[in-house]
Amino acid sequence: MSEFFSAFSWVNMRFLMMGLGVTIEVAVVSIILSFIIGSILGVIRYVKIPYLSQIVGFIVDLIRNLPLLLIIFFTYFALPKIGIHFGVITSTIFALTIFESAMLAEIIRSGILAVPKGQLEGALSNGLNFKQALWHIILPQAYKKMIPPIVSQFVSLIKDTSLATIIMLPEVTYRAQIVYAQEPSAIISMFFALAVIYFILNFIISKIGDMLDRRMTA
C-alpha cells in the first residue's frame, strides 16, 4: 500500500500535470477547429451543392470509417515523405481535427435535417433568402438539438488524445508511461491517476454540455 501512495510524489504529479497541459492544449485547439470545419462540411452536405456536396460526402464517409490511429500515423510518418513536415503537437492536432471534423459534419447535417421543413419555408416566405434563413433560423434550432451528441464527440476527442502516445506526444498518458517505466511499482498508481484525470476532464465537459442544453431548451 505504501508503494501505491509513494508514487504520488510531488515530482511525479508535477510531471503528469505538465502532460495534462499538453492534453488540454491539443484538445481545445482540435475542438475549436473541428467544430468550425465540421459545421462547414455539414452545411455543404445539407445544401446539396452539385458535385461539391457529393465530393464532401465521400470524403467525410471515408474518414469516418478509418481508424484514428491510422490518420495519426499518416500525418506524422507519411506526410513528411511528400515534403510536409509537422511537429508532434501539430501532427496530433491535424489528425484529430480531420477525424473529428468528419464525425461532427455528419452530426451537424443530421441536426439540420431534424429541423422541420416548415421552418425554412416560413423563413423564405417572410422575405429571408436561403442563406439568411439557414444562418438565423435553421442553424440555431439545429445546434440546440445537437448539443448532446456534439459534447459526446468532444469527450471522445479528449480520450483519443492518448492515442498520440504512439508518436510520443508528451501528453498525460505518455508521461504516466515514463513514470511507471522508471518505477515499475507505480504502474497501478499511474493508471489510477490517469483514470481520475480523464474522468474529471470529461465530467466537466459533460456538465457544461448539460448546462448549455438546459439553457437553450428552457
Protein backbone atom coordinates (compact mmCIF):
# COMPACT_ATOMS: atom_id res chain seq x y z
CA MET A 1 0.00 0.00 0.00
CA SER A 2 2.85 2.37 0.76
CA GLU A 3 4.19 1.85 -2.79
CA PHE A 4 0.80 2.91 -4.17
CA PHE A 5 0.84 6.24 -2.34
CA SER A 6 4.56 6.86 -2.72
CA ALA A 7 4.07 7.03 -6.48
CA PHE A 8 2.07 10.23 -5.99
CA SER A 9 5.16 12.24 -5.13
CA TRP A 10 5.38 15.93 -5.98
CA VAL A 11 7.89 15.20 -8.73
CA ASN A 12 5.66 12.58 -10.38
CA MET A 13 2.48 14.63 -10.08
CA ARG A 14 4.17 17.75 -11.42
CA PHE A 15 5.43 15.67 -14.35
CA LEU A 16 1.88 14.42 -15.03
CA MET A 17 0.39 17.91 -14.77
CA MET A 18 2.81 19.15 -17.42
CA GLY A 19 1.47 16.39 -19.66
CA LEU A 20 -2.08 17.35 -18.75
CA GLY A 21 -1.34 20.84 -20.04
CA VAL A 22 -0.37 19.36 -23.41
CA THR A 23 -3.52 17.20 -23.43
CA ILE A 24 -5.73 20.23 -22.77
CA GLU A 25 -3.91 22.35 -25.35
CA VAL A 26 -4.27 19.72 -28.07
CA ALA A 27 -7.90 19.00 -27.15
CA VAL A 28 -9.01 22.65 -27.03
CA VAL A 29 -7.42 23.58 -30.37
CA SER A 30 -8.77 20.41 -32.01
CA ILE A 31 -12.26 21.01 -30.61
CA ILE A 32 -12.39 24.58 -31.92
CA LEU A 33 -11.02 23.72 -35.37
CA SER A 34 -13.12 20.57 -35.81
CA PHE A 35 -16.30 22.39 -34.75
CA ILE A 36 -15.72 25.12 -37.34
CA ILE A 37 -14.69 22.76 -40.14
CA GLY A 38 -17.33 20.18 -39.23
CA SER A 39 -20.03 22.86 -39.32
CA ILE A 40 -18.92 23.99 -42.78
CA LEU A 41 -18.81 20.45 -44.12
CA GLY A 42 -22.16 19.59 -42.55
CA VAL A 43 -23.81 22.62 -44.16
CA ILE A 44 -22.25 21.82 -47.55
CA ARG A 45 -23.69 18.30 -47.35
CA TYR A 46 -27.09 19.67 -46.37
CA VAL A 47 -27.45 22.30 -49.10
CA LYS A 48 -26.54 19.74 -51.81
CA ILE A 49 -24.29 21.87 -53.98
CA PRO A 50 -23.83 19.98 -57.29
CA TYR A 51 -20.67 17.86 -57.25
CA LEU A 52 -19.19 19.62 -54.21
CA SER A 53 -21.67 18.07 -51.76
CA GLN A 54 -21.07 14.62 -53.24
CA ILE A 55 -17.30 15.01 -53.01
CA VAL A 56 -17.51 16.26 -49.42
CA GLY A 57 -19.88 13.41 -48.58
CA PHE A 58 -17.46 10.84 -49.96
CA ILE A 59 -14.50 12.31 -48.06
CA VAL A 60 -16.49 12.51 -44.81
CA ASP A 61 -17.68 8.90 -45.12
CA LEU A 62 -14.15 7.77 -45.97
CA ILE A 63 -12.58 9.46 -42.93
CA ARG A 64 -15.37 8.31 -40.58
CA ASN A 65 -14.61 4.70 -41.50
CA LEU A 66 -10.86 4.94 -40.92
CA PRO A 67 -9.19 4.29 -37.56
CA LEU A 68 -7.98 7.48 -35.92
CA LEU A 69 -4.66 5.79 -35.22
CA LEU A 70 -4.14 5.32 -38.97
CA ILE A 71 -4.75 9.03 -39.56
CA ILE A 72 -2.23 9.89 -36.84
CA PHE A 73 0.32 7.56 -38.44
CA PHE A 74 -0.33 9.08 -41.87
CA THR A 75 0.02 12.64 -40.60
CA TYR A 76 3.24 12.05 -38.70
CA PHE A 77 5.02 9.42 -40.80
CA ALA A 78 3.62 9.63 -44.34
CA LEU A 79 3.25 13.38 -44.96
CA PRO A 80 6.99 14.05 -44.44
CA LYS A 81 7.64 11.68 -47.37
CA ILE A 82 5.96 14.21 -49.66
CA GLY A 83 7.63 17.21 -48.07
CA ILE A 84 5.02 18.17 -45.47
CA HIS A 85 6.60 18.22 -42.02
CA PHE A 86 4.69 18.76 -38.79
CA GLY A 87 5.87 18.64 -35.20
CA VAL A 88 4.35 16.11 -32.81
CA ILE A 89 1.78 18.50 -31.36
CA THR A 90 0.79 19.92 -34.76
CA SER A 91 0.52 16.41 -36.24
CA THR A 92 -1.78 15.33 -33.43
CA ILE A 93 -3.99 18.41 -33.76
CA PHE A 94 -4.12 17.96 -37.54
CA ALA A 95 -5.10 14.28 -37.27
CA LEU A 96 -7.69 14.86 -34.53
CA THR A 97 -9.18 17.81 -36.41
CA ILE A 98 -9.55 15.80 -39.63
CA PHE A 99 -11.17 12.86 -37.85
CA GLU A 100 -13.46 14.87 -35.56
CA SER A 101 -14.49 17.25 -38.37
CA ALA A 102 -15.81 14.27 -40.33
CA MET A 103 -17.69 12.99 -37.28
CA LEU A 104 -19.17 16.39 -36.49
CA ALA A 105 -20.11 17.02 -40.13
CA GLU A 106 -22.48 14.06 -40.04
CA ILE A 107 -23.87 15.09 -36.64
CA ILE A 108 -24.49 18.63 -37.88
CA ARG A 109 -26.06 17.51 -41.15
CA SER A 110 -28.39 15.22 -39.23
CA GLY A 111 -29.21 18.01 -36.79
CA ILE A 112 -30.15 20.37 -39.62
CA LEU A 113 -32.31 17.70 -41.24
CA ALA A 114 -34.11 17.25 -37.90
CA VAL A 115 -35.42 20.84 -38.07
CA PRO A 116 -38.95 20.76 -39.53
CA LYS A 117 -39.03 21.83 -43.18
CA GLY A 118 -41.78 24.29 -42.34
CA GLN A 119 -39.21 26.45 -40.52
CA LEU A 120 -37.27 27.00 -43.74
CA GLU A 121 -40.41 27.52 -45.79
CA GLY A 122 -41.73 30.02 -43.26
CA ALA A 123 -38.46 31.96 -43.22
CA LEU A 124 -38.36 32.13 -47.03
CA SER A 125 -41.99 33.23 -47.21
CA ASN A 126 -41.21 36.08 -44.81
CA GLY A 127 -38.62 37.58 -47.12
CA LEU A 128 -35.39 35.93 -45.98
CA ASN A 129 -33.13 34.42 -48.60
CA PHE A 130 -31.81 30.88 -48.18
CA LYS A 131 -28.52 31.96 -46.63
CA GLN A 132 -30.25 34.22 -44.09
CA ALA A 133 -32.81 31.54 -43.25
CA LEU A 134 -30.08 28.98 -42.73
CA TRP A 135 -27.97 31.25 -40.53
CA HIS A 136 -30.70 32.90 -38.45
CA ILE A 137 -33.45 30.25 -38.31
CA ILE A 138 -32.26 26.74 -39.14
CA LEU A 139 -28.79 26.52 -37.60
CA PRO A 140 -29.73 27.95 -34.16
CA GLN A 141 -32.50 25.35 -33.83
CA ALA A 142 -30.27 22.58 -35.15
CA TYR A 143 -27.45 23.34 -32.71
CA LYS A 144 -29.88 23.11 -29.81
CA LYS A 145 -30.73 19.57 -30.86
CA MET A 146 -27.08 18.68 -31.43
CA ILE A 147 -25.65 19.65 -28.03
CA PRO A 148 -25.68 16.10 -26.51
CA PRO A 149 -24.03 14.31 -29.49
CA ILE A 150 -21.51 17.13 -30.03
CA VAL A 151 -20.50 17.08 -26.35
CA SER A 152 -20.22 13.30 -26.53
CA GLN A 153 -17.91 13.66 -29.53
CA PHE A 154 -15.75 16.18 -27.67
CA VAL A 155 -15.47 13.76 -24.74
CA SER A 156 -14.28 11.10 -27.17
CA LEU A 157 -11.76 13.56 -28.60
CA ILE A 158 -10.18 14.15 -25.20
CA LYS A 159 -9.83 10.42 -24.63
CA ASP A 160 -8.46 9.98 -28.15
CA THR A 161 -5.54 12.31 -27.41
CA SER A 162 -3.99 9.35 -25.59
CA LEU A 163 -3.56 7.57 -28.94
CA ALA A 164 -0.85 10.09 -29.80
CA THR A 165 1.45 8.35 -27.32
CA ILE A 166 2.36 6.22 -30.34
CA ILE A 167 4.14 9.25 -31.87
CA MET A 168 5.49 10.30 -28.46
CA LEU A 169 3.23 13.28 -27.85
CA PRO A 170 4.25 14.37 -24.33
CA GLU A 171 0.68 14.34 -23.03
CA VAL A 172 -0.51 12.90 -19.72
CA THR A 173 -0.73 9.23 -20.76
CA TYR A 174 2.73 9.26 -22.32
CA ARG A 175 4.19 10.82 -19.18
CA ALA A 176 2.47 8.26 -16.98
CA GLN A 177 4.13 5.54 -19.07
CA ILE A 178 7.51 7.18 -18.45
CA VAL A 179 6.87 7.24 -14.69
CA TYR A 180 6.00 3.56 -14.37
CA ALA A 181 8.77 2.59 -16.79
CA GLN A 182 11.21 4.13 -14.30
CA GLU A 183 9.26 2.93 -11.25
CA PRO A 184 7.57 -0.40 -12.12
CA SER A 185 5.82 -0.45 -8.74
CA ALA A 186 3.98 2.75 -9.72
CA ILE A 187 2.03 1.21 -12.61
CA ILE A 188 -1.24 0.80 -10.68
CA SER A 189 -0.88 4.26 -9.17
CA MET A 190 -0.36 5.82 -12.59
CA PHE A 191 -3.34 4.02 -14.10
CA PHE A 192 -5.43 5.24 -11.18
CA ALA A 193 -4.16 8.80 -11.66
CA LEU A 194 -4.97 8.68 -15.38
CA ALA A 195 -8.47 7.40 -14.67
CA VAL A 196 -9.10 10.24 -12.24
CA ILE A 197 -7.67 12.88 -14.60
CA TYR A 198 -9.69 11.75 -17.63
CA PHE A 199 -12.83 11.37 -15.52
CA ILE A 200 -12.54 14.92 -14.15
CA LEU A 201 -11.90 16.43 -17.61
CA ASN A 202 -14.78 14.60 -19.26
CA PHE A 203 -17.11 15.12 -16.30
CA ILE A 204 -16.54 18.88 -16.51
CA ILE A 205 -17.24 18.90 -20.26
CA SER A 206 -20.37 16.77 -19.77
CA LYS A 207 -21.67 19.13 -17.10
CA ILE A 208 -21.01 22.16 -19.30
CA GLY A 209 -22.92 20.41 -22.08
CA ASP A 210 -25.83 19.65 -19.72
CA MET A 211 -25.89 23.29 -18.60
CA LEU A 212 -25.94 24.55 -22.20
CA ASP A 213 -28.64 22.03 -23.09
CA ARG A 214 -30.86 23.17 -20.22
CA ARG A 215 -30.39 26.86 -21.02
CA MET A 216 -31.04 26.50 -24.72
CA THR A 217 -34.08 24.27 -24.31
CA ALA A 218 -35.60 26.30 -21.46
